[in-house]
C-alpha atoms as a PDB file:
ATOM      1  CA  MET A   1      15.280   6.274   4.271  1.00  0.00           C
ATOM      2  CA  GLY A   2      16.656   3.832   7.353  1.00  0.00           C
ATOM      3  CA  LYS A   3      17.827   5.797  11.193  1.00  0.00           C
ATOM      4  CA  ARG A   4      21.473   5.675  10.303  1.00  0.00           C
ATOM      5  CA  LYS A   5      20.756   7.644   6.754  1.00  0.00           C
ATOM      6  CA  TYR A   6      18.338  10.225   7.866  1.00  0.00           C
ATOM      7  CA  SER A   7      20.278  11.000  11.020  1.00  0.00           C
ATOM      8  CA  ALA A   8      23.920  11.544   8.446  1.00  0.00           C
ATOM      9  CA  VAL A   9      22.143  13.440   5.961  1.00  0.00           C
ATOM     10  CA  HIS A  10      20.112  15.555   9.009  1.00  0.00           C
ATOM     11  CA  THR A  11      23.588  16.147  10.414  1.00  0.00           C
ATOM     12  CA  ALA A  12      24.866  17.124   6.897  1.00  0.00           C
ATOM     13  CA  LEU A  13      22.109  19.806   5.835  1.00  0.00           C
ATOM     14  CA  THR A  14      21.905  21.546   9.370  1.00  0.00           C
ATOM     15  CA  MET A  15      25.386  21.353  10.740  1.00  0.00           C
ATOM     16  CA  GLN A  16      28.603  22.024  10.460  1.00  0.00           C
ATOM     17  CA  TYR A  17      32.073  21.516  11.941  1.00  0.00           C
ATOM     18  CA  SER A  18      34.576  23.841  13.442  1.00  0.00           C
ATOM     19  CA  PRO A  19      37.944  23.629  13.450  1.00  0.00           C
ATOM     20  CA  THR A  20      38.537  26.290  15.736  1.00  0.00           C
ATOM     21  CA  THR A  21      35.909  24.505  18.343  1.00  0.00           C
ATOM     22  CA  GLN A  22      36.029  21.267  17.121  1.00  0.00           C
ATOM     23  CA  ARG A  23      32.872  20.778  17.601  1.00  0.00           C
ATOM     24  CA  ARG A  24      29.670  20.660  15.589  1.00  0.00           C
ATOM     25  CA  SER A  25      27.325  23.800  15.760  1.00  0.00           C
ATOM     26  CA  TYR A  26      23.911  24.811  13.540  1.00  0.00           C
ATOM     27  CA  ILE A  27      24.599  26.309  10.375  1.00  0.00           C
ATOM     28  CA  ASN A  28      24.215  30.423  10.579  1.00  0.00           C
ATOM     29  CA  VAL A  29      22.375  31.533   7.520  1.00  0.00           C
ATOM     30  CA  LEU A  30      23.027  35.090   8.797  1.00  0.00           C
ATOM     31  CA  PRO A  31      24.458  36.477  12.384  1.00  0.00           C
ATOM     32  CA  GLY A  32      22.207  34.870  15.250  1.00  0.00           C
ATOM     33  CA  LEU A  33      19.920  33.086  12.626  1.00  0.00           C
ATOM     34  CA  GLN A  34      20.046  29.642  12.548  1.00  0.00           C
ATOM     35  CA  ILE A  35      18.733  27.444   9.509  1.00  0.00           C
ATOM     36  CA  PRO A  36      15.778  25.535   9.720  1.00  0.00           C
ATOM     37  CA  ARG A  37      16.284  22.090  11.803  1.00  0.00           C
ATOM     38  CA  LEU A  38      14.990  19.473  10.494  1.00  0.00           C
ATOM     39  CA  LEU A  39      12.879  17.347  12.587  1.00  0.00           C
ATOM     40  CA  PRO A  40      15.393  14.211  14.366  1.00  0.00           C
ATOM     41  CA  TYR A  41      14.097  10.980  13.884  1.00  0.00           C
ATOM     42  CA  LYS A  42      12.005   9.923  16.462  1.00  0.00           C
ATOM     43  CA  ASP A  43       9.978  13.018  15.680  1.00  0.00           C
ATOM     44  CA  VAL A  44       9.877  11.846  12.232  1.00  0.00           C
ATOM     45  CA  MET A  45       8.627   8.324  12.841  1.00  0.00           C
ATOM     46  CA  ALA A  46       6.175   9.383  15.337  1.00  0.00           C
ATOM     47  CA  LYS A  47       4.741  11.262  12.595  1.00  0.00           C
ATOM     48  CA  VAL A  48       4.989   8.605  10.437  1.00  0.00           C
ATOM     49  CA  ARG A  49       2.849   6.124  12.754  1.00  0.00           C
ATOM     50  CA  ALA A  50       0.554   8.865  13.318  1.00  0.00           C
ATOM     51  CA  THR A  51      -0.133   8.903   9.718  1.00  0.00           C
ATOM     52  CA  GLY A  52      -3.452   7.098   8.456  1.00  0.00           C
ATOM     53  CA  ILE A  53      -2.479   4.486   5.724  1.00  0.00           C
ATOM     54  CA  GLY A  54      -5.941   2.714   5.571  1.00  0.00           C
ATOM     55  CA  ALA A  55      -6.740  -1.315   6.596  1.00  0.00           C
ATOM     56  CA  LEU A  56      -3.783  -3.946   5.932  1.00  0.00           C
ATOM     57  CA  GLN A  57      -4.978  -7.241   5.031  1.00  0.00           C
ATOM     58  CA  PRO A  58      -2.703 -11.186   4.873  1.00  0.00           C
ATOM     59  CA  LEU A  59      -2.143 -12.052   1.430  1.00  0.00           C
ATOM     60  CA  PRO A  60      -4.704 -15.007   0.685  1.00  0.00           C
ATOM     61  CA  GLU A  61      -3.725 -18.671   1.526  1.00  0.00           C
ATOM     62  CA  VAL A  62      -3.190 -21.664  -1.304  1.00  0.00           C
ATOM     63  CA  SER A  63      -3.814 -25.517  -0.558  1.00  0.00           C
ATOM     64  CA  GLY A  64      -0.566 -27.480  -0.858  1.00  0.00           C
ATOM     65  CA  GLN A  65       1.408 -24.077  -0.410  1.00  0.00           C
ATOM     66  CA  ALA A  66       3.211 -22.245   2.749  1.00  0.00           C
ATOM     67  CA  PRO A  67       2.341 -18.940   3.566  1.00  0.00           C
ATOM     68  CA  VAL A  68       3.785 -16.526   2.269  1.00  0.00           C
ATOM     69  CA  GLU A  69       4.829 -13.015   3.890  1.00  0.00           C
ATOM     70  CA  GLY A  70       3.196 -10.323   3.331  1.00  0.00           C
ATOM     71  CA  TRP A  71       0.077  -7.216   3.116  1.00  0.00           C
ATOM     72  CA  SER A  72      -2.296  -6.257   0.503  1.00  0.00           C
ATOM     73  CA  ARG A  73      -4.083  -2.900   0.402  1.00  0.00           C
ATOM     74  CA  PRO A  74      -8.360  -2.801  -0.763  1.00  0.00           C
ATOM     75  CA  LEU A  75      -8.758  -1.153  -3.813  1.00  0.00           C
ATOM     76  CA  ARG A  76     -11.374   0.503  -3.517  1.00  0.00           C
ATOM     77  CA  GLU A  77     -10.383   2.125   0.024  1.00  0.00           C
ATOM     78  CA  ILE A  78      -6.629   3.233  -1.341  1.00  0.00           C
ATOM     79  CA  LEU A  79      -8.452   4.553  -5.120  1.00  0.00           C
ATOM     80  CA  SER A  80     -10.329   6.638  -2.323  1.00  0.00           C
ATOM     81  CA  ILE A  81      -7.364   7.775  -0.055  1.00  0.00           C
ATOM     82  CA  MET A  82      -5.732   8.903  -3.707  1.00  0.00           C
ATOM     83  CA  ALA A  83      -8.483  10.503  -5.233  1.00  0.00           C
ATOM     84  CA  ASP A  84      -9.328  12.595  -2.256  1.00  0.00           C
ATOM     85  CA  MET A  85      -5.520  14.000  -1.734  1.00  0.00           C
ATOM     86  CA  PHE A  86      -5.447  14.468  -5.095  1.00  0.00           C
ATOM     87  CA  LEU A  87      -8.430  16.611  -5.151  1.00  0.00           C
ATOM     88  CA  THR A  88      -7.792  18.329  -2.225  1.00  0.00           C
ATOM     89  CA  THR A  89      -4.572  19.339  -2.953  1.00  0.00           C
ATOM     90  CA  PRO A  90      -4.692  22.574  -4.958  1.00  0.00           C
ATOM     91  CA  ARG A  91      -0.831  22.097  -6.487  1.00  0.00           C
ATOM     92  CA  LEU A  92      -2.172  18.434  -7.553  1.00  0.00           C
ATOM     93  CA  ALA A  93      -5.811  18.791  -8.461  1.00  0.00           C
ATOM     94  CA  LYS A  94      -4.741  21.803 -11.257  1.00  0.00           C
ATOM     95  CA  THR A  95      -2.630  18.658 -13.258  1.00  0.00           C
ATOM     96  CA  LEU A  96      -5.559  16.333 -13.321  1.00  0.00           C
ATOM     97  CA  ASP A  97      -6.675  14.810 -16.830  1.00  0.00           C
ATOM     98  CA  TRP A  98     -10.254  14.061 -17.384  1.00  0.00           C
ATOM     99  CA  PHE A  99      -9.718  12.825 -20.814  1.00  0.00           C
ATOM    100  CA  GLY A 100     -12.574  14.808 -21.955  1.00  0.00           C
ATOM    101  CA  LYS A 101     -15.088  13.179 -19.420  1.00  0.00           C
ATOM    102  CA  SER A 102     -16.438  14.889 -15.756  1.00  0.00           C
ATOM    103  CA  LYS A 103     -14.539  15.661 -13.020  1.00  0.00           C
ATOM    104  CA  GLY A 104     -14.217  12.596 -10.875  1.00  0.00           C
ATOM    105  CA  THR A 105     -13.598   9.949 -13.791  1.00  0.00           C
ATOM    106  CA  PHE A 106     -10.346   7.910 -12.025  1.00  0.00           C
ATOM    107  CA  LEU A 107      -8.441   5.848 -14.596  1.00  0.00           C
ATOM    108  CA  PHE A 108      -6.102   3.667 -12.704  1.00  0.00           C
ATOM    109  CA  THR A 109      -3.171   1.008 -13.546  1.00  0.00           C
ATOM    110  CA  VAL A 110      -1.943  -1.037 -11.167  1.00  0.00           C
ATOM    111  CA  GLY A 111       1.462  -3.185 -12.274  1.00  0.00           C
ATOM    112  CA  GLY A 112       3.628  -5.119 -10.122  1.00  0.00           C
ATOM    113  CA  ASP A 113       7.240  -6.786 -11.057  1.00  0.00           C
ATOM    114  CA  GLY A 114       9.332  -9.046  -8.671  1.00  0.00           C
ATOM    115  CA  ALA A 115      12.730  -8.953  -7.805  1.00  0.00           C
ATOM    116  CA  PRO A 116      15.003 -12.081  -7.635  1.00  0.00           C
ATOM    117  CA  LEU A 117      17.038 -12.220  -4.378  1.00  0.00           C
ATOM    118  CA  GLY A 118      19.090 -15.646  -5.226  1.00  0.00           C
ATOM    119  CA  GLN A 119      17.165 -17.884  -2.740  1.00  0.00           C
ATOM    120  CA  SER A 120      13.414 -18.838  -3.403  1.00  0.00           C
ATOM    121  CA  ASP A 121      12.622 -17.729   0.165  1.00  0.00           C
ATOM    122  CA  GLU A 122      14.668 -14.023   0.054  1.00  0.00           C
ATOM    123  CA  ASP A 123      12.770 -13.112  -3.678  1.00  0.00           C
ATOM    124  CA  MET A 124       9.785  -9.874  -2.945  1.00  0.00           C
ATOM    125  CA  THR A 125       7.467  -9.012  -5.188  1.00  0.00           C
ATOM    126  CA  LEU A 126       6.036  -5.262  -5.238  1.00  0.00           C
ATOM    127  CA  TRP A 127       2.143  -4.414  -6.837  1.00  0.00           C
ATOM    128  CA  CYS A 128       1.520  -1.129  -7.198  1.00  0.00           C
ATOM    129  CA  VAL A 129      -1.319   1.410  -8.704  1.00  0.00           C
ATOM    130  CA  SER A 130      -1.254   4.999 -10.435  1.00  0.00           C
ATOM    131  CA  LEU A 131      -3.927   7.138 -11.950  1.00  0.00           C
ATOM    132  CA  LEU A 132      -3.744   7.637 -15.377  1.00  0.00           C
ATOM    133  CA  ASN A 133      -5.375  11.207 -14.672  1.00  0.00           C
ATOM    134  CA  ARG A 134      -1.970  12.177 -13.410  1.00  0.00           C
ATOM    135  CA  GLY A 135      -0.758  12.593 -17.682  1.00  0.00           C
ATOM    136  CA  ARG A 136       2.933  12.095 -17.418  1.00  0.00           C
ATOM    137  CA  HIS A 137       3.549  11.518 -13.653  1.00  0.00           C
ATOM    138  CA  VAL A 138       2.157   8.435 -13.661  1.00  0.00           C
ATOM    139  CA  ALA A 139       5.862   7.447 -14.586  1.00  0.00           C
ATOM    140  CA  SER A 140       6.977   8.650 -11.301  1.00  0.00           C
ATOM    141  CA  PRO A 141       7.768   6.773  -8.277  1.00  0.00           C
ATOM    142  CA  ASN A 142       5.874   9.653  -6.224  1.00  0.00           C
ATOM    143  CA  ASP A 143       2.938   8.904  -7.991  1.00  0.00           C
ATOM    144  CA  ASN A 144       2.875   5.262  -7.664  1.00  0.00           C
ATOM    145  CA  PHE A 145       1.444   4.030  -4.583  1.00  0.00           C
ATOM    146  CA  LEU A 146       2.177   0.491  -2.374  1.00  0.00           C
ATOM    147  CA  LEU A 147      -0.286  -1.611  -3.468  1.00  0.00           C
ATOM    148  CA  LEU A 148       1.001  -4.923  -1.786  1.00  0.00           C
ATOM    149  CA  ALA A 149       4.110  -6.643  -0.739  1.00  0.00           C
ATOM    150  CA  ALA A 150       5.393 -10.028  -1.069  1.00  0.00           C
ATOM    151  CA  GLY A 151       8.001 -11.768   0.409  1.00  0.00           C
ATOM    152  CA  CYS A 152       7.335 -14.337  -3.013  1.00  0.00           C
ATOM    153  CA  ALA A 153       8.703 -14.713  -6.612  1.00  0.00           C
ATOM    154  CA  GLU A 154       6.324 -12.868  -8.672  1.00  0.00           C
ATOM    155  CA  ASN A 155       4.949 -16.120 -10.300  1.00  0.00           C
ATOM    156  CA  HIS A 156       3.742 -17.586  -6.430  1.00  0.00           C
ATOM    157  CA  PRO A 157       0.322 -19.418  -6.581  1.00  0.00           C
ATOM    158  CA  VAL A 158      -0.490 -17.105  -3.841  1.00  0.00           C
ATOM    159  CA  LEU A 159      -0.100 -14.302  -6.336  1.00  0.00           C
ATOM    160  CA  ILE A 160      -1.645 -15.462  -9.016  1.00  0.00           C
ATOM    161  CA  LYS A 161      -4.687 -16.135  -6.144  1.00  0.00           C
ATOM    162  CA  TYR A 162      -4.434 -12.710  -5.679  1.00  0.00           C
ATOM    163  CA  ALA A 163      -4.315 -11.448  -9.169  1.00  0.00           C
ATOM    164  CA  GLY A 164      -8.072 -12.926  -9.642  1.00  0.00           C
ATOM    165  CA  THR A 165      -9.228 -11.051  -6.169  1.00  0.00           C
ATOM    166  CA  LEU A 166      -7.713  -7.841  -7.206  1.00  0.00           C
ATOM    167  CA  VAL A 167      -9.659  -8.531 -11.085  1.00  0.00           C
ATOM    168  CA  ALA A 168     -12.788  -9.163  -8.481  1.00  0.00           C
ATOM    169  CA  GLU A 169     -12.636  -5.718  -6.780  1.00  0.00           C
ATOM    170  CA  ALA A 170     -11.690  -3.884  -9.614  1.00  0.00           C
ATOM    171  CA  LYS A 171     -15.077  -4.807 -11.838  1.00  0.00           C
ATOM    172  CA  ALA A 172     -16.787  -4.259  -8.051  1.00  0.00           C
ATOM    173  CA  LEU A 173     -16.377  -0.944  -8.731  1.00  0.00           C
ATOM    174  CA  ASP A 174     -17.092  -0.540 -12.419  1.00  0.00           C
ATOM    175  CA  GLY A 175     -20.156   1.697 -12.763  1.00  0.00           C
ATOM    176  CA  GLN A 176     -20.414   2.339  -8.416  1.00  0.00           C
ATOM    177  CA  THR A 177     -20.056   6.311  -7.687  1.00  0.00           C
ATOM    178  CA  VAL A 178     -18.277   7.690  -4.314  1.00  0.00           C
ATOM    179  CA  LEU A 179     -18.535  11.035  -3.164  1.00  0.00           C
ATOM    180  CA  ILE A 180     -15.147  12.273  -2.502  1.00  0.00           C
ATOM    181  CA  ALA A 181     -14.582  15.567  -1.376  1.00  0.00           C
ATOM    182  CA  GLY A 182     -17.680  16.521  -2.691  1.00  0.00           C
ATOM    183  CA  VAL A 183     -17.400  15.512  -5.981  1.00  0.00           C
ATOM    184  CA  PRO A 184     -18.812  12.235  -7.561  1.00  0.00           C
ATOM    185  CA  CYS A 185     -15.907  10.231  -8.577  1.00  0.00           C
ATOM    186  CA  THR A 186     -15.789   6.706 -10.680  1.00  0.00           C
ATOM    187  CA  PHE A 187     -12.961   4.491 -10.607  1.00  0.00           C
ATOM    188  CA  GLU A 188     -12.218   2.311 -13.899  1.00  0.00           C
ATOM    189  CA  CYS A 189      -8.854  -0.035 -14.749  1.00  0.00           C
ATOM    190  CA  LYS A 190      -7.458   0.812 -17.905  1.00  0.00           C
ATOM    191  CA  LEU A 191      -3.775  -0.168 -17.926  1.00  0.00           C
ATOM    192  CA  VAL A 192      -1.478  -2.986 -16.797  1.00  0.00           C
ATOM    193  CA  PRO A 193       1.923  -1.918 -16.894  1.00  0.00           C
ATOM    194  CA  VAL A 194       3.864  -5.273 -16.777  1.00  0.00           C
ATOM    195  CA  ASP A 195       6.714  -7.057 -18.882  1.00  0.00           C
ATOM    196  CA  MET A 196       6.213  -9.971 -21.403  1.00  0.00           C
ATOM    197  CA  LYS A 197       6.899 -12.467 -18.788  1.00  0.00           C
ATOM    198  CA  TRP A 198       4.359 -11.320 -15.558  1.00  0.00           C
ATOM    199  CA  LEU A 199       1.659 -11.081 -18.482  1.00  0.00           C
ATOM    200  CA  ALA A 200       2.744 -14.391 -20.125  1.00  0.00           C
ATOM    201  CA  LYS A 201       2.016 -16.129 -16.233  1.00  0.00           C
ATOM    202  CA  TYR A 202      -0.914 -14.291 -15.261  1.00  0.00           C
ATOM    203  CA  SER A 203      -2.672 -14.711 -18.463  1.00  0.00           C
ATOM    204  CA  GLY A 204      -2.208 -18.678 -18.216  1.00  0.00           C
ATOM    205  CA  GLU A 205       0.244 -19.200 -20.774  1.00  0.00           C
ATOM    206  CA  VAL A 206       3.246 -21.253 -21.109  1.00  0.00           C
ATOM    207  CA  GLY A 207       6.369 -19.651 -20.161  1.00  0.00           C
ATOM    208  CA  LYS A 208       8.149 -20.596 -23.059  1.00  0.00           C
ATOM    209  CA  TRP A 209       6.933 -21.793 -26.851  1.00  0.00           C
ATOM    210  CA  PRO A 210       6.312 -25.763 -26.730  1.00  0.00           C
ATOM    211  CA  SER A 211       7.661 -27.629 -29.444  1.00  0.00           C
ATOM    212  CA  SER A 212       3.702 -28.957 -29.803  1.00  0.00           C
ATOM    213  CA  PRO A 213       1.892 -26.087 -32.308  1.00  0.00           C
ATOM    214  CA  ASN A 214      -0.936 -26.917 -29.439  1.00  0.00           C
ATOM    215  CA  ILE A 215      -0.051 -23.990 -26.771  1.00  0.00           C
ATOM    216  CA  SER A 216      -0.999 -25.382 -23.575  1.00  0.00           C
ATOM    217  CA  VAL A 217      -3.333 -23.252 -21.475  1.00  0.00           C
ATOM    218  CA  LEU A 218      -3.548 -22.669 -17.539  1.00  0.00           C
ATOM    219  CA  PRO A 219      -6.670 -23.246 -16.513  1.00  0.00           C
ATOM    220  CA  SER A 220      -6.184 -20.830 -13.590  1.00  0.00           C
ATOM    221  CA  ASN A 221      -6.109 -18.484 -16.062  1.00  0.00           C
ATOM    222  CA  PRO A 222      -7.494 -15.043 -13.634  1.00  0.00           C
ATOM    223  CA  LEU A 223      -6.869 -12.133 -16.054  1.00  0.00           C
ATOM    224  CA  SER A 224      -9.317 -13.993 -19.012  1.00  0.00           C
ATOM    225  CA  ARG A 225     -11.876 -12.278 -16.815  1.00  0.00           C
ATOM    226  CA  VAL A 226     -10.923  -8.901 -16.565  1.00  0.00           C
END
């Protein structure tokens, strides 16, 4: 939500227009008792900037390709932040499903999708990570956390190279135990929720069915190593 929209919402929820004075004033719930005020935009942004979101790292470079604007977050770090939040927040902790395994066994999912905006230099791709332990909440935007943002199409060589890096990060988590909020935690990738086009591209398959019965497979195949 941008500054202009937040200011409009702030005004609509906390103030009212008086035809008598022809001015806005804060809404009173009872005589002399004003409705709780929302924080001004500048105070909200100050708190946002003060909130730690972990490390940000640049996207990998590919020989012969122009650098792509964007960033990614280390997989282990963001999973640790998510696990700490869900374990230490009582209303969230009670919703976690351990699928019959010990507490702290987190199953995560990673998926991405692109939004073509008309020009190749205007395309946008986002990758998100979520925890299957949240059950049906995994489908909620509130439970999907940004892992990567890139100013390119979803099938760009830079993102295909990033997929290989991400697979290596996920494999490095296998069998490792991390102590988070006093709970031994493990992380395991169990699902990649993407569309058929994305899956075919990143698995090294051709985008269209060829006329020849021999199906070509790309040499760079990051998901084949999962």
